[in-house]
PDB file of N, CA and C in Angstrom:
ATOM      1  N   MET A   1     -30.877  21.955 -24.340  1.00  0.00           N
ATOM      2  CA  MET A   1     -31.498  21.584 -22.528  1.00  0.00           C
ATOM      3  C   MET A   1     -32.747  22.809 -22.962  1.00  0.00           C
ATOM      4  N   TYR A   2     -32.611  23.906 -22.867  1.00  0.00           N
ATOM      5  CA  TYR A   2     -33.593  25.471 -22.723  1.00  0.00           C
ATOM      6  C   TYR A   2     -34.221  24.917 -24.057  1.00  0.00           C
ATOM      7  N   LEU A   3     -33.787  24.726 -25.311  1.00  0.00           N
ATOM      8  CA  LEU A   3     -34.909  24.581 -26.482  1.00  0.00           C
ATOM      9  C   LEU A   3     -36.139  23.951 -26.293  1.00  0.00           C
ATOM     10  N   PHE A   4     -35.446  22.480 -25.480  1.00  0.00           N
ATOM     11  CA  PHE A   4     -35.760  21.474 -25.105  1.00  0.00           C
ATOM     12  C   PHE A   4     -37.071  21.666 -24.486  1.00  0.00           C
ATOM     13  N   ASN A   5     -37.104  22.566 -23.053  1.00  0.00           N
ATOM     14  CA  ASN A   5     -37.550  22.662 -21.859  1.00  0.00           C
ATOM     15  C   ASN A   5     -38.845  24.172 -22.251  1.00  0.00           C
ATOM     16  N   ASN A   6     -37.771  24.397 -23.291  1.00  0.00           N
ATOM     17  CA  ASN A   6     -38.958  25.611 -23.212  1.00  0.00           C
ATOM     18  C   ASN A   6     -40.183  25.760 -24.798  1.00  0.00           C
ATOM     19  N   TYR A   7     -39.530  24.786 -25.857  1.00  0.00           N
ATOM     20  CA  TYR A   7     -40.043  24.806 -27.009  1.00  0.00           C
ATOM     21  C   TYR A   7     -40.285  23.472 -27.379  1.00  0.00           C
ATOM     22  N   CYS A   8     -39.882  22.372 -27.272  1.00  0.00           N
ATOM     23  CA  CYS A   8     -39.305  20.918 -27.377  1.00  0.00           C
ATOM     24  C   CYS A   8     -39.100  20.460 -28.220  1.00  0.00           C
ATOM     25  N   VAL A   9     -37.741  21.051 -28.584  1.00  0.00           N
ATOM     26  CA  VAL A   9     -37.148  20.699 -29.586  1.00  0.00           C
ATOM     27  C   VAL A   9     -35.592  20.222 -29.271  1.00  0.00           C
ATOM     28  N   ARG A  10     -35.568  19.180 -29.145  1.00  0.00           N
ATOM     29  CA  ARG A  10     -34.583  18.352 -28.791  1.00  0.00           C
ATOM     30  C   ARG A  10     -32.861  18.630 -29.665  1.00  0.00           C
ATOM     31  N   ASN A  11     -33.001  18.613 -30.651  1.00  0.00           N
ATOM     32  CA  ASN A  11     -32.331  19.368 -32.063  1.00  0.00           C
ATOM     33  C   ASN A  11     -32.236  19.697 -32.924  1.00  0.00           C
ATOM     34  N   ILE A  12     -31.690  21.234 -32.599  1.00  0.00           N
ATOM     35  CA  ILE A  12     -32.249  22.076 -33.612  1.00  0.00           C
ATOM     36  C   ILE A  12     -32.171  21.745 -34.805  1.00  0.00           C
ATOM     37  N   ASP A  13     -30.721  21.191 -35.331  1.00  0.00           N
ATOM     38  CA  ASP A  13     -31.028  20.931 -36.810  1.00  0.00           C
ATOM     39  C   ASP A  13     -31.346  19.755 -37.230  1.00  0.00           C
ATOM     40  N   ALA A  14     -32.011  19.335 -36.506  1.00  0.00           N
ATOM     41  CA  ALA A  14     -33.082  18.009 -36.894  1.00  0.00           C
ATOM     42  C   ALA A  14     -34.302  17.949 -36.481  1.00  0.00           C
ATOM     43  N   ASP A  15     -34.824  18.534 -35.289  1.00  0.00           N
ATOM     44  CA  ASP A  15     -36.184  18.268 -34.858  1.00  0.00           C
ATOM     45  C   ASP A  15     -37.108  19.873 -35.854  1.00  0.00           C
ATOM     46  N   PHE A  16     -38.318  19.877 -35.506  1.00  0.00           N
ATOM     47  CA  PHE A  16     -39.346  20.948 -35.618  1.00  0.00           C
ATOM     48  C   PHE A  16     -39.810  21.308 -35.142  1.00  0.00           C
ATOM     49  N   PHE A  17     -39.875  22.770 -34.336  1.00  0.00           N
ATOM     50  CA  PHE A  17     -41.102  24.068 -33.857  1.00  0.00           C
ATOM     51  C   PHE A  17     -42.295  23.217 -34.021  1.00  0.00           C
ATOM     52  N   LEU A  18     -43.067  22.867 -33.198  1.00  0.00           N
ATOM     53  CA  LEU A  18     -44.437  22.479 -33.723  1.00  0.00           C
ATOM     54  C   LEU A  18     -45.347  23.261 -33.100  1.00  0.00           C
ATOM     55  N   ASP A  19     -46.755  23.411 -33.512  1.00  0.00           N
ATOM     56  CA  ASP A  19     -47.766  24.003 -33.160  1.00  0.00           C
ATOM     57  C   ASP A  19     -47.724  25.912 -32.391  1.00  0.00           C
ATOM     58  N   THR A  20     -47.600  25.763 -31.111  1.00  0.00           N
ATOM     59  CA  THR A  20     -47.651  27.191 -30.538  1.00  0.00           C
ATOM     60  C   THR A  20     -46.383  27.047 -30.085  1.00  0.00           C
ATOM     61  N   ASN A  21     -45.763  26.243 -29.786  1.00  0.00           N
ATOM     62  CA  ASN A  21     -44.002  26.320 -29.932  1.00  0.00           C
ATOM     63  C   ASN A  21     -42.924  27.341 -31.108  1.00  0.00           C
ATOM     64  N   PHE A  22     -43.641  27.029 -32.349  1.00  0.00           N
ATOM     65  CA  PHE A  22     -43.342  27.881 -33.158  1.00  0.00           C
ATOM     66  C   PHE A  22     -43.327  29.081 -33.129  1.00  0.00           C
ATOM     67  N   TRP A  23     -44.840  30.189 -32.867  1.00  0.00           N
ATOM     68  CA  TRP A  23     -45.008  31.038 -33.114  1.00  0.00           C
ATOM     69  C   TRP A  23     -44.650  31.489 -31.336  1.00  0.00           C
ATOM     70  N   ASN A  24     -44.040  30.856 -30.511  1.00  0.00           N
ATOM     71  CA  ASN A  24     -43.830  31.150 -29.553  1.00  0.00           C
ATOM     72  C   ASN A  24     -41.825  31.638 -29.593  1.00  0.00           C
ATOM     73  N   ILE A  25     -41.547  30.825 -30.512  1.00  0.00           N
ATOM     74  CA  ILE A  25     -39.883  31.069 -30.413  1.00  0.00           C
ATOM     75  C   ILE A  25     -40.151  32.630 -31.453  1.00  0.00           C
ATOM     76  N   LEU A  26     -41.071  32.324 -32.301  1.00  0.00           N
ATOM     77  CA  LEU A  26     -40.820  33.348 -33.501  1.00  0.00           C
ATOM     78  C   LEU A  26     -41.006  35.045 -32.675  1.00  0.00           C
ATOM     79  N   SER A  27     -41.825  34.902 -31.503  1.00  0.00           N
ATOM     80  CA  SER A  27     -42.024  35.970 -30.190  1.00  0.00           C
ATOM     81  C   SER A  27     -40.705  36.074 -29.996  1.00  0.00           C
ATOM     82  N   ASP A  28     -40.578  35.555 -29.456  1.00  0.00           N
ATOM     83  CA  ASP A  28     -39.075  35.152 -28.385  1.00  0.00           C
ATOM     84  C   ASP A  28     -38.058  35.771 -28.946  1.00  0.00           C
ATOM     85  N   ILE A  29     -37.456  35.266 -30.305  1.00  0.00           N
ATOM     86  CA  ILE A  29     -36.182  35.870 -31.122  1.00  0.00           C
ATOM     87  C   ILE A  29     -36.233  37.885 -31.632  1.00  0.00           C
ATOM     88  N   GLN A  30     -37.513  38.091 -31.388  1.00  0.00           N
ATOM     89  CA  GLN A  30     -37.685  39.759 -31.675  1.00  0.00           C
ATOM     90  C   GLN A  30     -37.729  40.019 -30.414  1.00  0.00           C
ATOM     91  N   ASP A  31     -37.565  39.177 -28.910  1.00  0.00           N
ATOM     92  CA  ASP A  31     -37.393  40.478 -27.844  1.00  0.00           C
ATOM     93  C   ASP A  31     -35.538  40.495 -27.923  1.00  0.00           C
ATOM     94  N   PRO A  32     -35.435  41.740 -28.329  1.00  0.00           N
ATOM     95  CA  PRO A  32     -34.126  42.087 -27.425  1.00  0.00           C
ATOM     96  C   PRO A  32     -33.402  41.169 -26.039  1.00  0.00           C
ATOM     97  N   VAL A  33     -34.099  41.354 -24.856  1.00  0.00           N
ATOM     98  CA  VAL A  33     -33.778  40.835 -24.160  1.00  0.00           C
ATOM     99  C   VAL A  33     -33.891  39.553 -23.357  1.00  0.00           C
ATOM    100  N   TRP A  34     -34.673  38.534 -24.259  1.00  0.00           N
ATOM    101  CA  TRP A  34     -34.642  37.356 -24.715  1.00  0.00           C
ATOM    102  C   TRP A  34     -33.500  37.019 -25.281  1.00  0.00           C
ATOM    103  N   VAL A  35     -33.170  37.457 -26.320  1.00  0.00           N
ATOM    104  CA  VAL A  35     -31.653  37.299 -27.408  1.00  0.00           C
ATOM    105  C   VAL A  35     -30.840  37.337 -26.290  1.00  0.00           C
ATOM    106  N   GLU A  36     -30.512  37.946 -25.334  1.00  0.00           N
ATOM    107  CA  GLU A  36     -28.843  38.709 -24.881  1.00  0.00           C
ATOM    108  C   GLU A  36     -29.086  37.769 -23.541  1.00  0.00           C
ATOM    109  N   ASN A  37     -30.377  36.674 -23.116  1.00  0.00           N
ATOM    110  CA  ASN A  37     -30.314  36.164 -22.516  1.00  0.00           C
ATOM    111  C   ASN A  37     -30.179  34.607 -22.708  1.00  0.00           C
ATOM    112  N   TYR A  38     -30.637  34.428 -24.274  1.00  0.00           N
ATOM    113  CA  TYR A  38     -29.990  33.102 -24.512  1.00  0.00           C
ATOM    114  C   TYR A  38     -28.521  33.033 -25.217  1.00  0.00           C
ATOM    115  N   LYS A  39     -28.209  34.302 -25.545  1.00  0.00           N
ATOM    116  CA  LYS A  39     -26.906  33.939 -26.098  1.00  0.00           C
ATOM    117  C   LYS A  39     -26.011  34.351 -24.663  1.00  0.00           C
ATOM    118  N   SER A  40     -26.630  34.009 -23.574  1.00  0.00           N
ATOM    119  CA  SER A  40     -25.880  33.909 -22.344  1.00  0.00           C
ATOM    120  C   SER A  40     -25.735  32.294 -21.423  1.00  0.00           C
ATOM    121  N   LEU A  41     -26.529  31.721 -22.217  1.00  0.00           N
ATOM    122  CA  LEU A  41     -27.144  30.533 -21.705  1.00  0.00           C
ATOM    123  C   LEU A  41     -25.511  29.800 -22.067  1.00  0.00           C
ATOM    124  N   LYS A  42     -24.749  28.793 -21.183  1.00  0.00           N
ATOM    125  CA  LYS A  42     -24.021  27.647 -21.568  1.00  0.00           C
ATOM    126  C   LYS A  42     -24.112  26.428 -21.857  1.00  0.00           C
TER     127      LYS A  42
END
């Protein structure tokens, strides 16, 4: 649900990150705080 709400990707195995969402996720995954927060999601 988090990926859909923030990057419009419903299924990470089947959907693509499009438009600015692609650049947003690339930027976010380089931030250690974002990575830790993402890992803590249930």
